[in-house]
Amino acid sequence: MVDDIGWFTLGGAGASFALMALAASVAALKAAAVPKWLGIVGAIVGVLSGATITFFGIFAWLAWILVYSLGALVKRA
């Protein structure tokens, strides 16, 4: 039973990240805060993060956070 709760929590985290990544990507595209290609990739990563239970989504989270942060810093410089 406890093992099922862990997987349910991981799935919920994936859904939460998907919503956050999609919203941040759309907002960044509208504000031109990041390059256009990075906003599109962010939206794709947001959709793909639904595969969190297969652990692909977890690596997508980490990559998105790293690349998006660097993209935002480079765009402002």
N, C-alpha and C. Protein backbone atom coordinates (compact mmCIF):
# COMPACT_ATOMS: atom_id res chain seq x y z
N MET A 1 0.81 -1.19 0.00
CA MET A 1 0.00 0.00 0.00
C MET A 1 0.86 1.26 0.00
N VAL A 2 1.91 1.28 0.81
CA VAL A 2 2.77 2.46 0.89
C VAL A 2 3.50 2.66 -0.43
N ASP A 3 3.88 1.59 -1.09
CA ASP A 3 4.55 1.69 -2.39
C ASP A 3 3.63 2.36 -3.42
N ASP A 4 2.37 2.05 -3.38
CA ASP A 4 1.42 2.67 -4.30
C ASP A 4 1.30 4.17 -4.06
N ILE A 5 1.39 4.59 -2.82
CA ILE A 5 1.31 6.02 -2.51
C ILE A 5 2.51 6.76 -3.11
N GLY A 6 3.68 6.13 -3.08
CA GLY A 6 4.86 6.74 -3.66
C GLY A 6 4.72 6.95 -5.16
N TRP A 7 4.20 5.96 -5.86
CA TRP A 7 4.00 6.10 -7.31
C TRP A 7 2.93 7.13 -7.63
N PHE A 8 1.89 7.17 -6.80
CA PHE A 8 0.84 8.17 -6.99
C PHE A 8 1.40 9.58 -6.80
N THR A 9 2.25 9.76 -5.80
CA THR A 9 2.87 11.05 -5.56
C THR A 9 3.78 11.45 -6.70
N LEU A 10 4.55 10.50 -7.23
CA LEU A 10 5.43 10.78 -8.36
C LEU A 10 4.62 11.17 -9.59
N GLY A 11 3.52 10.51 -9.83
CA GLY A 11 2.64 10.87 -10.95
C GLY A 11 2.05 12.25 -10.77
N GLY A 12 1.66 12.59 -9.56
CA GLY A 12 1.14 13.93 -9.28
C GLY A 12 2.19 15.01 -9.48
N ALA A 13 3.42 14.69 -9.12
CA ALA A 13 4.51 15.65 -9.34
C ALA A 13 4.73 15.87 -10.83
N GLY A 14 4.62 14.80 -11.62
CA GLY A 14 4.77 14.94 -13.07
C GLY A 14 3.69 15.80 -13.68
N ALA A 15 2.47 15.62 -13.23
CA ALA A 15 1.36 16.44 -13.73
C ALA A 15 1.55 17.90 -13.32
N SER A 16 2.01 18.13 -12.12
CA SER A 16 2.26 19.50 -11.65
C SER A 16 3.36 20.15 -12.46
N PHE A 17 4.43 19.41 -12.71
CA PHE A 17 5.52 19.97 -13.51
C PHE A 17 5.06 20.26 -14.93
N ALA A 18 4.24 19.39 -15.48
CA ALA A 18 3.74 19.61 -16.84
C ALA A 18 2.99 20.93 -16.93
N LEU A 19 2.11 21.19 -15.96
CA LEU A 19 1.36 22.45 -15.95
C LEU A 19 2.29 23.65 -15.78
N MET A 20 3.28 23.52 -14.89
CA MET A 20 4.20 24.62 -14.66
C MET A 20 5.06 24.89 -15.89
N ALA A 21 5.57 23.84 -16.53
CA ALA A 21 6.42 24.01 -17.71
C ALA A 21 5.64 24.61 -18.87
N LEU A 22 4.43 24.15 -19.07
CA LEU A 22 3.61 24.71 -20.15
C LEU A 22 3.28 26.18 -19.89
N ALA A 23 2.89 26.50 -18.68
CA ALA A 23 2.55 27.89 -18.36
C ALA A 23 3.77 28.80 -18.47
N ALA A 24 4.91 28.35 -17.98
CA ALA A 24 6.13 29.16 -18.06
C ALA A 24 6.57 29.34 -19.50
N SER A 25 6.44 28.30 -20.31
CA SER A 25 6.84 28.39 -21.70
C SER A 25 5.96 29.37 -22.47
N VAL A 26 4.66 29.31 -22.26
CA VAL A 26 3.75 30.23 -22.94
C VAL A 26 4.01 31.67 -22.49
N ALA A 27 4.20 31.87 -21.19
CA ALA A 27 4.46 33.22 -20.68
C ALA A 27 5.79 33.76 -21.21
N ALA A 28 6.81 32.90 -21.25
CA ALA A 28 8.11 33.34 -21.75
C ALA A 28 8.06 33.66 -23.24
N LEU A 29 7.29 32.90 -23.99
CA LEU A 29 7.14 33.19 -25.42
C LEU A 29 6.42 34.51 -25.64
N LYS A 30 5.37 34.76 -24.88
CA LYS A 30 4.62 36.01 -25.04
C LYS A 30 5.44 37.22 -24.62
N ALA A 31 6.27 37.06 -23.60
CA ALA A 31 7.09 38.17 -23.12
C ALA A 31 8.42 38.27 -23.85
N ALA A 32 8.71 37.31 -24.72
CA ALA A 32 9.99 37.24 -25.44
C ALA A 32 11.16 37.22 -24.46
N ALA A 33 10.99 36.49 -23.36
CA ALA A 33 12.03 36.40 -22.34
C ALA A 33 13.10 35.37 -22.67
N VAL A 34 12.78 34.44 -23.53
CA VAL A 34 13.73 33.42 -23.96
C VAL A 34 13.64 33.31 -25.49
N PRO A 35 14.64 32.69 -26.11
CA PRO A 35 14.54 32.48 -27.56
C PRO A 35 13.31 31.63 -27.90
N LYS A 36 12.76 31.85 -29.09
CA LYS A 36 11.53 31.16 -29.49
C LYS A 36 11.69 29.64 -29.46
N TRP A 37 12.84 29.15 -29.93
CA TRP A 37 13.04 27.69 -29.97
C TRP A 37 13.01 27.11 -28.56
N LEU A 38 13.52 27.85 -27.58
CA LEU A 38 13.55 27.36 -26.21
C LEU A 38 12.15 27.30 -25.61
N GLY A 39 11.30 28.27 -25.96
CA GLY A 39 9.92 28.23 -25.50
C GLY A 39 9.16 27.05 -26.07
N ILE A 40 9.42 26.73 -27.34
CA ILE A 40 8.76 25.59 -27.98
C ILE A 40 9.25 24.28 -27.37
N VAL A 41 10.56 24.19 -27.15
CA VAL A 41 11.12 22.98 -26.51
C VAL A 41 10.56 22.83 -25.10
N GLY A 42 10.40 23.93 -24.39
CA GLY A 42 9.83 23.88 -23.05
C GLY A 42 8.40 23.35 -23.05
N ALA A 43 7.63 23.76 -24.05
CA ALA A 43 6.26 23.25 -24.16
C ALA A 43 6.26 21.74 -24.45
N ILE A 44 7.17 21.31 -25.29
CA ILE A 44 7.27 19.88 -25.61
C ILE A 44 7.69 19.09 -24.37
N VAL A 45 8.66 19.61 -23.63
CA VAL A 45 9.08 18.94 -22.39
C VAL A 45 7.94 18.88 -21.39
N GLY A 46 7.13 19.93 -21.35
CA GLY A 46 5.98 19.92 -20.46
C GLY A 46 5.00 18.81 -20.79
N VAL A 47 4.77 18.61 -22.07
CA VAL A 47 3.88 17.53 -22.49
C VAL A 47 4.51 16.17 -22.20
N LEU A 48 5.79 16.04 -22.49
CA LEU A 48 6.47 14.75 -22.28
C LEU A 48 6.67 14.41 -20.81
N SER A 49 6.57 15.39 -19.94
CA SER A 49 6.77 15.09 -18.53
C SER A 49 5.64 14.26 -17.95
N GLY A 50 4.61 14.03 -18.73
CA GLY A 50 3.57 13.09 -18.31
C GLY A 50 4.09 11.67 -18.19
N ALA A 51 5.28 11.42 -18.76
CA ALA A 51 5.90 10.10 -18.68
C ALA A 51 6.82 10.00 -17.47
N THR A 52 6.47 10.70 -16.41
CA THR A 52 7.32 10.74 -15.22
C THR A 52 7.53 9.36 -14.62
N ILE A 53 6.54 8.53 -14.68
CA ILE A 53 6.64 7.22 -14.04
C ILE A 53 7.69 6.35 -14.73
N THR A 54 7.97 6.61 -15.99
CA THR A 54 9.02 5.85 -16.67
C THR A 54 10.40 6.46 -16.45
N PHE A 55 10.51 7.44 -15.62
CA PHE A 55 11.74 8.14 -15.25
C PHE A 55 12.29 9.02 -16.36
N PHE A 56 11.76 8.97 -17.57
CA PHE A 56 12.17 9.91 -18.60
C PHE A 56 11.81 11.32 -18.19
N GLY A 57 10.65 11.46 -17.61
CA GLY A 57 10.16 12.77 -17.21
C GLY A 57 11.03 13.44 -16.16
N ILE A 58 11.60 12.66 -15.26
CA ILE A 58 12.46 13.24 -14.23
C ILE A 58 13.69 13.86 -14.86
N PHE A 59 14.30 13.18 -15.83
CA PHE A 59 15.45 13.75 -16.52
C PHE A 59 15.04 14.95 -17.37
N ALA A 60 13.83 14.91 -17.91
CA ALA A 60 13.33 16.05 -18.67
C ALA A 60 13.16 17.25 -17.75
N TRP A 61 12.71 17.04 -16.51
CA TRP A 61 12.59 18.14 -15.55
C TRP A 61 13.93 18.81 -15.34
N LEU A 62 14.93 17.98 -15.03
CA LEU A 62 16.26 18.52 -14.73
C LEU A 62 16.84 19.26 -15.93
N ALA A 63 16.72 18.67 -17.10
CA ALA A 63 17.24 19.31 -18.31
C ALA A 63 16.50 20.61 -18.59
N TRP A 64 15.19 20.62 -18.42
CA TRP A 64 14.40 21.82 -18.69
C TRP A 64 14.80 22.95 -17.75
N ILE A 65 14.94 22.64 -16.49
CA ILE A 65 15.31 23.66 -15.51
C ILE A 65 16.69 24.24 -15.84
N LEU A 66 17.64 23.39 -16.16
CA LEU A 66 18.99 23.85 -16.48
C LEU A 66 19.02 24.69 -17.75
N VAL A 67 18.46 24.17 -18.83
CA VAL A 67 18.51 24.86 -20.12
C VAL A 67 17.68 26.13 -20.09
N TYR A 68 16.52 26.08 -19.47
CA TYR A 68 15.65 27.26 -19.43
C TYR A 68 16.30 28.37 -18.61
N SER A 69 16.93 28.01 -17.51
CA SER A 69 17.61 29.01 -16.69
C SER A 69 18.75 29.66 -17.46
N LEU A 70 19.55 28.85 -18.11
CA LEU A 70 20.65 29.39 -18.90
C LEU A 70 20.14 30.24 -20.07
N GLY A 71 19.07 29.80 -20.70
CA GLY A 71 18.48 30.55 -21.81
C GLY A 71 17.97 31.91 -21.35
N ALA A 72 17.36 31.96 -20.18
CA ALA A 72 16.86 33.22 -19.67
C ALA A 72 18.00 34.16 -19.31
N LEU A 73 19.09 33.61 -18.75
CA LEU A 73 20.23 34.44 -18.42
C LEU A 73 20.92 34.98 -19.67
N VAL A 74 21.08 34.16 -20.68
CA VAL A 74 21.75 34.58 -21.91
C VAL A 74 20.91 35.60 -22.64
N LYS A 75 19.60 35.42 -22.65
CA LYS A 75 18.71 36.34 -23.35
C LYS A 75 18.79 37.74 -22.73
N ARG A 76 18.93 37.83 -21.43
CA ARG A 76 18.95 39.12 -20.76
C ARG A 76 20.32 39.80 -20.87
N ALA A 77 21.37 39.05 -21.08
CA ALA A 77 22.71 39.62 -21.13
C ALA A 77 22.99 40.35 -22.43
